[in-house]
């Protein structure tokens, strides 16, 4: 018996309140069972495909830095389900939002992350964290990580987050006073590294003031290297190691050394102060306490894998989302003015910023969600079928690679009127409590059981950074280095090409 995912009824552009009250019911209705004797209408071979070359297929058309745009363009040309080939690997590409949502809700039983990504990680000596873990290992680690990233836990670490933001403010004040351009993308990466190191590991790495972002550089190298190897048509590095592969291996060792140091420091702190087992001071201590529980089923290797996951994912996703948000606000003065007014009403003195002051920043959060709709850090999600499955009446055998295009319905006028317009208000409720945004069509944090566990922390980081910026400064310019507009650059996530910013301090 196989699982069938059928497209939900065509959407009419806006959603009423009653529709939002029945999202779970809608998702269950997209899933049904294919009975014996009722085969799927089509096989993969029946799907359209872009022309390719013998042996390598479409590999030369899929550059790692722009692969997301190519798949999006093909989905408009060949439809919401087609096939492509990267070397010997056949890929089924899916761009239907309702079907993708149903697929995501069928994890971890029906789909997993592609085995090739885990193989690349294993070759580099990585420990599988919750991002790559599967089956029972994922279930055990998920409980541990969700506890560490719960809203209550993140709120308890807010002081560290505000401390990092004050360092960011100080650097921007100095640059503004001297009339210097700010390396916006670089500063936001350093901010994200310092936040995740402080909140998650209790480590004060202070890359903002030091200006030495060695950890961030190694993280970028590892992320780009894993993404590049996962997309290669064949594993050439097993026979020939290029300079890029040697750099990758050095960065893997550096990240592993930093991870080991964070864990050793957390273990030492727990030993010195047993009271921390009742009230951990950071996420790593909370994970170690959970791992030490007799029936946790989690060891230090799994903790190490999740430390690495947090360091890798926490740096790139949040900094990319923030960079795109600031660029889009600069390009939309009315939205920037409204966000600035909201911040200055609720955060009169950013030096005394409290968690409670971030809660009413609803428009700022709406701006972040709208930026992630237009410029999602994860514009695609590759998966692998674990059992025979039928998606949109196409039979997928076990082992089928399914490439989910996440930015398709989210920029479709049927789901979002005027989809190219930056309109944060679509994420705010109207007088009747209804939203114009189709929340099933834009999934910046994924969906289903494997939804991103760090989403709450990421949104809080964005709010704090924007409160720091808009409370203390007026933005006078944001530029894309050497370009009229920033290019979308795909690494492990999709970020902008380098951005600079100039500021004027508020009187």
Protein backbone atom coordinates (compact mmCIF):
# COMPACT_ATOMS: atom_id res chain seq x y z
CA UNK A 1 0.00 0.00 0.00
CA UNK A 2 1.51 3.37 -0.99
CA UNK A 3 0.90 6.91 0.15
CA UNK A 4 -0.75 9.35 -2.29
CA UNK A 5 -0.46 13.11 -2.14
CA UNK A 6 -2.99 15.03 -4.17
CA UNK A 7 -3.00 18.74 -4.85
CA UNK A 8 -5.39 20.73 -2.68
CA UNK A 9 -8.18 22.65 -4.37
CA UNK A 10 -7.05 25.68 -6.37
CA UNK A 11 -6.49 28.69 -4.15
CA UNK A 12 -8.31 31.93 -4.86
CA UNK A 13 -5.63 34.38 -3.71
CA UNK A 14 -6.84 35.24 -0.18
CA UNK A 15 -7.68 33.13 2.83
CA UNK A 16 -10.54 33.69 5.22
CA UNK A 17 -10.35 33.16 8.96
CA UNK A 18 -12.29 29.89 8.76
CA UNK A 19 -9.73 28.48 6.33
CA UNK A 20 -6.90 29.16 8.74
CA UNK A 21 -8.81 27.45 11.51
CA UNK A 22 -8.83 24.25 9.47
CA UNK A 23 -5.21 24.10 8.20
CA UNK A 24 -4.63 20.71 9.77
CA UNK A 25 -7.86 19.38 8.24
CA UNK A 26 -6.79 20.72 4.82
CA UNK A 27 -3.46 18.93 5.05
CA UNK A 28 -5.08 15.64 6.00
CA UNK A 29 -7.37 16.00 2.99
CA UNK A 30 -4.37 16.22 0.64
CA UNK A 31 -3.32 12.73 1.72
CA UNK A 32 -5.10 9.52 0.79
CA UNK A 33 -4.23 5.91 0.23
CA UNK A 34 -3.73 4.18 -3.11
CA UNK A 35 -5.58 0.87 -2.95
CA UNK A 36 -4.24 -2.35 -4.54
CA UNK A 37 -5.34 -2.57 -8.16
CA UNK A 38 -5.43 1.21 -8.54
CA UNK A 39 -1.95 2.09 -9.78
CA UNK A 40 -0.70 5.64 -10.16
CA UNK A 41 -1.53 7.30 -13.47
CA UNK A 42 2.10 8.03 -14.35
CA UNK A 43 5.65 6.83 -13.81
CA UNK A 44 8.68 9.09 -13.47
CA UNK A 45 9.59 8.41 -17.10
CA UNK A 46 6.31 10.05 -18.14
CA UNK A 47 7.33 13.39 -16.65
CA UNK A 48 8.73 16.19 -18.84
CA UNK A 49 12.44 16.95 -18.51
CA UNK A 50 14.90 19.60 -19.68
CA UNK A 51 17.25 18.28 -22.37
CA UNK A 52 20.62 17.07 -21.11
CA UNK A 53 23.80 15.37 -22.25
CA UNK A 54 24.75 11.67 -22.24
CA UNK A 55 26.28 10.42 -18.97
CA UNK A 56 26.21 13.79 -17.15
CA UNK A 57 22.57 14.69 -17.82
CA UNK A 58 21.81 18.26 -16.69
CA UNK A 59 24.91 18.62 -14.50
CA UNK A 60 26.48 21.38 -16.62
CA UNK A 61 23.26 23.41 -16.45
CA UNK A 62 23.13 23.27 -12.64
CA UNK A 63 25.76 25.50 -11.08
CA UNK A 64 25.81 25.17 -7.27
CA UNK A 65 25.61 28.96 -6.77
CA UNK A 66 22.51 29.40 -8.95
CA UNK A 67 20.90 25.95 -8.91
CA UNK A 68 17.84 27.26 -7.08
CA UNK A 69 17.06 29.78 -9.83
CA UNK A 70 17.52 27.17 -12.55
CA UNK A 71 15.09 24.77 -10.88
CA UNK A 72 12.58 27.60 -10.36
CA UNK A 73 12.85 28.61 -14.03
CA UNK A 74 12.38 25.00 -15.14
CA UNK A 75 9.32 24.61 -12.91
CA UNK A 76 7.70 27.52 -14.76
CA UNK A 77 8.62 25.96 -18.10
CA UNK A 78 7.97 22.25 -17.48
CA UNK A 79 5.28 22.40 -14.79
CA UNK A 80 5.09 21.80 -11.06
CA UNK A 81 6.49 18.26 -11.42
CA UNK A 82 9.26 17.25 -13.81
CA UNK A 83 12.48 15.24 -13.80
CA UNK A 84 16.15 16.11 -14.20
CA UNK A 85 19.39 14.16 -14.05
CA UNK A 86 22.68 14.97 -12.29
CA UNK A 87 25.16 12.42 -13.56
CA UNK A 88 23.70 9.00 -12.80
CA UNK A 89 21.22 10.39 -10.28
CA UNK A 90 17.68 11.04 -11.43
CA UNK A 91 15.84 13.79 -9.54
CA UNK A 92 12.11 14.44 -9.46
CA UNK A 93 11.40 18.14 -8.98
CA UNK A 94 8.22 19.19 -7.15
CA UNK A 95 6.98 22.80 -7.03
CA UNK A 96 3.35 22.34 -5.89
CA UNK A 97 2.97 23.91 -2.44
CA UNK A 98 0.15 21.70 -1.16
CA UNK A 99 1.95 18.53 -2.26
CA UNK A 100 5.22 19.73 -0.70
CA UNK A 101 3.42 20.45 2.56
CA UNK A 102 1.97 16.94 2.58
CA UNK A 103 5.39 15.44 1.81
CA UNK A 104 6.97 17.37 4.69
CA UNK A 105 4.29 16.08 7.04
CA UNK A 106 5.13 12.54 5.96
CA UNK A 107 8.58 12.77 7.50
CA UNK A 108 10.34 10.93 9.03
CA UNK A 109 8.43 7.79 8.00
CA UNK A 110 7.94 8.48 4.30
CA UNK A 111 10.86 10.77 3.44
CA UNK A 112 14.34 11.55 4.73
CA UNK A 113 17.13 13.88 3.74
CA UNK A 114 19.10 12.41 0.84
CA UNK A 115 21.55 9.73 1.87
CA UNK A 116 24.25 11.47 -0.20
CA UNK A 117 24.32 14.40 2.24
CA UNK A 118 24.85 12.05 5.17
CA UNK A 119 27.55 10.23 3.18
CA UNK A 120 29.38 13.50 2.52
CA UNK A 121 29.16 14.38 6.21
CA UNK A 122 30.38 10.93 7.26
CA UNK A 123 33.35 11.15 4.89
CA UNK A 124 34.33 14.41 6.54
CA UNK A 125 34.16 12.79 9.97
CA UNK A 126 31.01 14.58 11.10
CA UNK A 127 28.74 13.41 13.91
CA UNK A 128 25.08 13.30 12.81
CA UNK A 129 23.06 15.96 14.60
CA UNK A 130 19.29 16.35 14.47
CA UNK A 131 19.62 17.86 10.96
CA UNK A 132 20.93 14.60 9.45
CA UNK A 133 19.80 12.00 12.00
CA UNK A 134 17.05 9.60 10.96
CA UNK A 135 14.71 7.10 12.60
CA UNK A 136 15.01 6.44 16.32
CA UNK A 137 18.19 8.52 16.56
CA UNK A 138 16.29 11.53 15.24
CA UNK A 139 13.43 10.97 17.69
CA UNK A 140 15.83 10.94 20.66
CA UNK A 141 17.81 13.95 19.51
CA UNK A 142 14.71 15.91 18.57
CA UNK A 143 13.42 15.77 22.15
CA UNK A 144 16.74 17.03 23.45
CA UNK A 145 17.08 19.85 20.94
CA UNK A 146 13.45 21.00 21.21
CA UNK A 147 13.86 21.27 24.97
CA UNK A 148 17.00 23.35 24.52
CA UNK A 149 15.30 25.64 21.96
CA UNK A 150 11.98 26.03 23.77
CA UNK A 151 10.65 29.60 24.12
CA UNK A 152 11.22 29.48 27.89
CA UNK A 153 14.84 28.38 27.42
CA UNK A 154 15.56 31.03 24.80
CA UNK A 155 13.94 33.71 26.97
CA UNK A 156 16.25 32.73 29.83
CA UNK A 157 19.27 33.44 27.64
CA UNK A 158 18.00 36.81 26.40
CA UNK A 159 20.61 38.75 28.39
CA UNK A 160 23.41 37.25 26.30
CA UNK A 161 21.59 38.10 23.09
CA UNK A 162 21.12 41.72 24.14
CA UNK A 163 24.80 41.89 25.14
CA UNK A 164 25.90 40.85 21.65
CA UNK A 165 23.51 43.41 20.13
CA UNK A 166 25.10 46.19 22.20
CA UNK A 167 28.50 45.29 20.73
CA UNK A 168 26.99 45.48 17.26
CA UNK A 169 25.57 48.91 18.11
CA UNK A 170 28.94 50.14 19.36
CA UNK A 171 30.69 49.15 16.14
CA UNK A 172 28.01 50.80 14.03
CA UNK A 173 28.18 53.98 16.14
CA UNK A 174 31.90 54.23 15.51
CA UNK A 175 31.50 53.68 11.76
CA UNK A 176 28.65 56.20 11.57
CA UNK A 177 30.64 58.84 13.47
CA UNK A 178 33.53 58.43 11.02
CA UNK A 179 31.29 58.32 7.97
CA UNK A 180 32.48 54.85 7.03
CA UNK A 181 30.58 52.24 5.08
CA UNK A 182 29.64 49.19 7.12
CA UNK A 183 30.31 45.66 5.88
CA UNK A 184 26.68 44.69 6.44
CA UNK A 185 26.84 41.03 5.40
CA UNK A 186 30.06 40.53 7.37
CA UNK A 187 28.76 42.23 10.51
CA UNK A 188 25.52 40.25 10.45
CA UNK A 189 27.45 36.98 10.16
CA UNK A 190 29.62 37.98 13.12
CA UNK A 191 26.50 38.92 15.07
CA UNK A 192 24.93 35.52 14.36
CA UNK A 193 28.12 33.64 15.29
CA UNK A 194 28.45 35.55 18.56
CA UNK A 195 24.79 34.99 19.40
CA UNK A 196 24.82 31.26 18.77
CA UNK A 197 28.15 30.85 20.57
CA UNK A 198 26.86 32.77 23.58
CA UNK A 199 23.34 31.39 23.80
CA UNK A 200 24.05 27.86 22.71
CA UNK A 201 27.52 27.27 24.11
CA UNK A 202 28.10 29.94 26.76
CA UNK A 203 31.21 31.03 24.85
CA UNK A 204 32.11 34.69 24.41
CA UNK A 205 33.91 34.49 21.05
CA UNK A 206 33.34 38.23 20.39
CA UNK A 207 34.02 38.26 16.66
CA UNK A 208 32.21 41.62 16.41
CA UNK A 209 34.81 43.59 18.36
CA UNK A 210 37.79 41.43 17.42
CA UNK A 211 36.99 41.65 13.73
CA UNK A 212 38.51 38.17 13.40
CA UNK A 213 35.73 35.94 12.17
CA UNK A 214 37.84 32.78 11.90
CA UNK A 215 34.98 30.56 13.07
CA UNK A 216 32.59 32.15 10.60
CA UNK A 217 35.04 31.68 7.72
CA UNK A 218 35.49 28.01 8.57
CA UNK A 219 31.71 27.59 8.90
CA UNK A 220 31.19 29.17 5.47
CA UNK A 221 33.81 26.87 3.94
CA UNK A 222 32.23 23.75 5.46
CA UNK A 223 28.70 24.73 4.42
CA UNK A 224 29.72 25.53 0.86
CA UNK A 225 31.85 22.38 0.63
CA UNK A 226 29.11 20.02 1.82
CA UNK A 227 26.59 21.63 -0.54
CA UNK A 228 29.00 21.43 -3.48
CA UNK A 229 29.91 17.79 -2.88
CA UNK A 230 26.26 16.81 -2.44
CA UNK A 231 25.50 18.14 -5.92
CA UNK A 232 28.49 16.65 -7.73
CA UNK A 233 27.59 14.04 -10.40
CA UNK A 234 30.37 11.76 -9.07
CA UNK A 235 32.65 11.84 -5.96
CA UNK A 236 35.91 12.88 -7.62
CA UNK A 237 37.51 13.79 -4.24
CA UNK A 238 37.88 10.10 -3.39
CA UNK A 239 40.58 9.94 -6.05
CA UNK A 240 41.74 13.54 -6.59
CA UNK A 241 41.76 16.25 -3.94
CA UNK A 242 41.62 19.78 -5.33
CA UNK A 243 42.73 22.89 -3.37
CA UNK A 244 39.06 23.48 -2.46
CA UNK A 245 38.90 20.01 -0.91
CA UNK A 246 42.01 20.62 1.16
CA UNK A 247 40.55 23.92 2.41
CA UNK A 248 37.34 22.09 3.28
CA UNK A 249 39.18 19.45 5.29
CA UNK A 250 41.14 22.11 7.21
CA UNK A 251 37.93 23.96 8.03
CA UNK A 252 36.22 20.75 9.17
CA UNK A 253 39.07 20.18 11.62
CA UNK A 254 38.83 23.78 12.86
CA UNK A 255 35.06 23.54 13.42
CA UNK A 256 35.50 20.18 15.17
CA UNK A 257 38.18 21.67 17.44
CA UNK A 258 35.87 24.57 18.34
CA UNK A 259 33.02 22.13 19.00
CA UNK A 260 35.17 19.99 21.29
CA UNK A 261 36.21 23.12 23.16
CA UNK A 262 32.62 24.22 23.69
CA UNK A 263 31.65 20.78 25.03
CA UNK A 264 34.65 20.58 27.34
CA UNK A 265 33.85 24.01 28.74
CA UNK A 266 30.23 23.08 29.35
CA UNK A 267 31.21 19.81 31.06
CA UNK A 268 33.65 21.69 33.31
CA UNK A 269 30.99 24.24 34.27
CA UNK A 270 28.49 21.49 35.14
CA UNK A 271 31.08 19.74 37.29
CA UNK A 272 32.02 22.96 39.10
CA UNK A 273 28.42 24.00 39.79
CA UNK A 274 25.97 21.07 40.21
CA UNK A 275 23.13 23.59 40.46
CA UNK A 276 23.46 24.15 36.72
CA UNK A 277 21.90 20.75 36.17
CA UNK A 278 18.64 22.18 37.48
CA UNK A 279 19.03 25.52 35.69
CA UNK A 280 21.42 25.24 32.73
CA UNK A 281 23.03 28.52 31.72
CA UNK A 282 23.02 27.78 27.99
CA UNK A 283 21.64 25.40 25.38
CA UNK A 284 24.71 23.15 25.36
CA UNK A 285 24.50 22.60 29.11
CA UNK A 286 20.81 21.79 28.70
CA UNK A 287 21.62 19.23 25.99
CA UNK A 288 24.36 17.62 28.09
CA UNK A 289 22.00 17.37 31.08
CA UNK A 290 19.37 15.77 28.85
CA UNK A 291 21.96 13.42 27.34
CA UNK A 292 23.11 12.33 30.80
CA UNK A 293 19.62 11.14 31.69
CA UNK A 294 19.71 7.33 31.93
CA UNK A 295 17.04 6.71 29.28
CA UNK A 296 17.95 9.53 26.90
CA UNK A 297 19.63 7.26 24.36
CA UNK A 298 21.90 10.21 23.45
CA UNK A 299 25.68 10.25 23.86
CA UNK A 300 28.35 12.95 23.59
CA UNK A 301 28.81 12.20 19.88
CA UNK A 302 25.18 13.16 19.25
CA UNK A 303 25.62 16.28 21.38
CA UNK A 304 28.72 17.16 19.34
CA UNK A 305 26.75 16.69 16.14
CA UNK A 306 24.09 19.08 17.33
CA UNK A 307 26.65 21.64 18.50
CA UNK A 308 28.10 21.58 14.99
CA UNK A 309 24.60 21.78 13.49
CA UNK A 310 23.75 24.84 15.58
CA UNK A 311 27.02 26.52 14.69
CA UNK A 312 26.59 25.83 10.98
CA UNK A 313 22.86 26.43 10.61
CA UNK A 314 22.56 29.21 13.21
CA UNK A 315 25.18 31.42 11.56
CA UNK A 316 24.15 31.30 7.93
CA UNK A 317 20.35 31.22 7.98
CA UNK A 318 19.75 34.12 10.37
CA UNK A 319 22.44 36.39 8.94
CA UNK A 320 21.17 35.82 5.38
CA UNK A 321 17.57 36.52 6.40
CA UNK A 322 18.64 39.73 8.17
CA UNK A 323 20.71 40.94 5.22
CA UNK A 324 17.82 40.48 2.80
CA UNK A 325 15.41 42.12 5.25
CA UNK A 326 17.53 45.28 5.60
CA UNK A 327 17.99 45.49 1.82
CA UNK A 328 14.25 45.14 1.17
CA UNK A 329 13.35 47.71 3.84
CA UNK A 330 15.79 50.17 2.29
CA UNK A 331 14.13 49.62 -1.09
CA UNK A 332 10.67 50.17 0.47
CA UNK A 333 10.74 53.46 2.41
CA UNK A 334 7.13 53.28 3.64
CA UNK A 335 7.72 49.88 5.24
CA UNK A 336 11.02 51.10 6.70
CA UNK A 337 9.29 54.15 8.21
CA UNK A 338 6.55 52.02 9.78
CA UNK A 339 9.05 49.49 11.19
CA UNK A 340 11.17 52.35 12.57
CA UNK A 341 8.14 53.95 14.23
CA UNK A 342 7.14 50.64 15.84
CA UNK A 343 10.63 50.06 17.21
CA UNK A 344 10.98 53.57 18.61
CA UNK A 345 7.58 53.35 20.32
CA UNK A 346 8.36 50.08 22.05
CA UNK A 347 12.14 50.36 22.50
CA UNK A 348 12.85 53.91 23.71
CA UNK A 349 16.33 52.95 24.92
CA UNK A 350 17.99 50.02 23.16
CA UNK A 351 20.71 49.97 25.83
CA UNK A 352 18.04 48.76 28.26
CA UNK A 353 16.33 46.38 25.82
CA UNK A 354 14.24 43.70 27.49
CA UNK A 355 12.62 40.55 26.19
CA UNK A 356 9.18 42.03 26.89
CA UNK A 357 9.93 44.98 24.59
CA UNK A 358 10.53 42.64 21.65
CA UNK A 359 7.17 40.90 21.95
CA UNK A 360 4.98 43.71 20.50
CA UNK A 361 7.25 44.18 17.43
CA UNK A 362 4.62 42.57 15.23
CA UNK A 363 5.30 44.68 12.14
CA UNK A 364 9.03 43.97 12.33
CA UNK A 365 8.25 40.25 12.47
CA UNK A 366 5.85 40.65 9.53
CA UNK A 367 8.67 42.34 7.60
CA UNK A 368 10.94 39.39 8.36
CA UNK A 369 8.32 36.88 7.17
CA UNK A 370 7.73 38.88 3.98
CA UNK A 371 11.49 39.07 3.33
CA UNK A 372 11.76 35.30 3.76
CA UNK A 373 8.83 34.81 1.38
CA UNK A 374 10.67 36.74 -1.34
CA UNK A 375 14.21 35.70 -0.40
CA UNK A 376 14.01 32.41 1.52
CA UNK A 377 17.29 31.23 3.07
CA UNK A 378 16.26 27.70 2.00
CA UNK A 379 14.70 28.06 -1.48
CA UNK A 380 14.75 24.30 -2.01
CA UNK A 381 14.68 21.15 0.08
CA UNK A 382 15.99 17.81 -1.26
CA UNK A 383 14.42 14.64 0.14
CA UNK A 384 14.56 10.90 -0.50
CA UNK A 385 11.56 8.55 -0.53
CA UNK A 386 11.77 5.74 2.03
CA UNK A 387 8.90 3.70 0.61
CA UNK A 388 6.84 3.56 -2.55
CA UNK A 389 4.93 6.81 -2.65
CA UNK A 390 2.63 8.58 -5.07
CA UNK A 391 2.87 12.35 -5.39
CA UNK A 392 0.50 14.20 -7.73
CA UNK A 393 -0.40 10.87 -9.36
CA UNK A 394 3.23 10.00 -10.10
CA UNK A 395 4.61 6.81 -8.58
CA UNK A 396 7.90 7.31 -6.74
CA UNK A 397 9.82 4.11 -5.91
CA UNK A 398 11.85 3.90 -2.68
CA UNK A 399 15.10 5.81 -3.00
CA UNK A 400 13.67 8.44 -5.37
CA UNK A 401 15.33 11.84 -4.91
CA UNK A 402 12.63 14.51 -4.59
CA UNK A 403 13.70 18.13 -5.01
CA UNK A 404 11.13 20.46 -3.40
CA UNK A 405 11.09 23.98 -4.87
CA UNK A 406 10.11 26.10 -1.87
CA UNK A 407 9.81 29.41 -3.76
CA UNK A 408 7.06 28.75 -6.25
CA UNK A 409 3.61 29.16 -4.71
CA UNK A 410 5.07 31.81 -2.40
CA UNK A 411 5.60 34.10 -5.41
CA UNK A 412 2.42 33.06 -7.26
CA UNK A 413 -0.40 35.60 -7.58
CA UNK A 414 -2.97 32.88 -6.82
CA UNK A 415 -1.55 32.62 -3.30
CA UNK A 416 -0.11 36.12 -2.77
CA UNK A 417 -1.70 39.04 -4.66
CA UNK A 418 0.98 41.29 -6.19
CA UNK A 419 3.57 38.63 -5.35
CA UNK A 420 6.60 40.73 -6.32
CA UNK A 421 5.60 43.54 -3.95
CA UNK A 422 7.18 43.76 -0.50
CA UNK A 423 3.99 43.95 1.57
CA UNK A 424 4.49 43.02 5.25
CA UNK A 425 0.86 43.83 6.08
CA UNK A 426 -0.23 40.61 4.40
CA UNK A 427 1.18 38.80 7.46
CA UNK A 428 -0.81 40.87 9.97
CA UNK A 429 -4.40 40.01 10.97
CA UNK A 430 -7.21 42.27 9.82
CA UNK A 431 -10.03 43.50 12.06
CA UNK A 432 -11.66 40.07 11.89
CA UNK A 433 -8.41 38.28 12.73
CA UNK A 434 -7.87 36.89 9.21
CA UNK A 435 -4.56 36.99 7.31
CA UNK A 436 -4.10 37.70 3.60
CA UNK A 437 -0.94 35.58 3.52
CA UNK A 438 -1.38 31.92 2.57
CA UNK A 439 0.74 30.38 5.29
CA UNK A 440 0.63 27.01 3.58
CA UNK A 441 2.35 28.49 0.50
CA UNK A 442 5.36 30.06 2.24
CA UNK A 443 7.29 27.74 4.56
CA UNK A 444 10.58 29.45 5.54
CA UNK A 445 11.11 27.04 8.43
CA UNK A 446 9.70 23.93 6.77
CA UNK A 447 6.65 22.07 8.07
CA UNK A 448 5.61 18.87 9.75
CA UNK A 449 7.48 16.94 12.43
CA UNK A 450 10.88 18.13 11.19
CA UNK A 451 10.09 21.84 11.19
CA UNK A 452 13.16 23.90 12.12
CA UNK A 453 13.65 23.71 15.91
CA UNK A 454 15.55 27.02 15.94
CA UNK A 455 12.80 29.11 14.35
CA UNK A 456 11.86 30.85 17.60
CA UNK A 457 15.47 31.84 18.30
CA UNK A 458 15.97 33.01 14.72
CA UNK A 459 12.97 35.35 14.81
CA UNK A 460 14.08 36.72 18.18
CA UNK A 461 17.60 37.38 16.83
CA UNK A 462 16.06 39.25 13.91
CA UNK A 463 13.87 41.37 16.19
CA UNK A 464 16.80 42.27 18.45
CA UNK A 465 19.07 43.20 15.54
CA UNK A 466 16.35 45.34 13.94
CA UNK A 467 15.55 47.01 17.27
CA UNK A 468 19.23 47.87 17.65
CA UNK A 469 19.44 49.27 14.13
CA UNK A 470 16.17 51.22 13.95
CA UNK A 471 16.12 52.50 17.51
CA UNK A 472 19.60 54.00 17.36
CA UNK A 473 20.18 54.90 13.69
CA UNK A 474 18.73 56.27 10.51
CA UNK A 475 19.75 54.25 7.46
CA UNK A 476 21.19 56.56 4.79
CA UNK A 477 22.16 53.94 2.19
CA UNK A 478 22.39 50.20 1.52
CA UNK A 479 24.43 49.17 -1.51
CA UNK A 480 25.25 45.92 -3.27
CA UNK A 481 29.00 45.86 -3.83
CA UNK A 482 29.73 46.38 -7.51
CA UNK A 483 26.13 45.77 -8.57
CA UNK A 484 22.85 47.71 -8.79
CA UNK A 485 21.15 44.93 -6.80
CA UNK A 486 22.53 42.04 -4.75
CA UNK A 487 22.77 38.69 -6.50
CA UNK A 488 21.25 35.59 -4.94
CA UNK A 489 24.16 33.33 -4.01
CA UNK A 490 23.42 29.75 -3.08
CA UNK A 491 25.75 28.08 -0.62
CA UNK A 492 24.31 25.99 2.17
CA UNK A 493 21.58 28.66 2.25
CA UNK A 494 20.68 31.43 -0.17
CA UNK A 495 22.19 34.78 0.79
CA UNK A 496 22.88 38.07 -0.95
CA UNK A 497 26.16 39.02 -2.56
CA UNK A 498 28.08 41.48 -0.33
CA UNK A 499 26.11 44.46 1.00
CA UNK A 500 27.36 47.68 2.56
CA UNK A 501 25.38 50.14 4.69
CA UNK A 502 25.86 53.71 5.89
CA UNK A 503 24.15 55.04 8.99
CA UNK A 504 23.43 58.30 10.78
CA UNK A 505 23.05 58.18 14.58
CA UNK A 506 19.78 59.49 15.95
CA UNK A 507 20.05 62.78 17.72
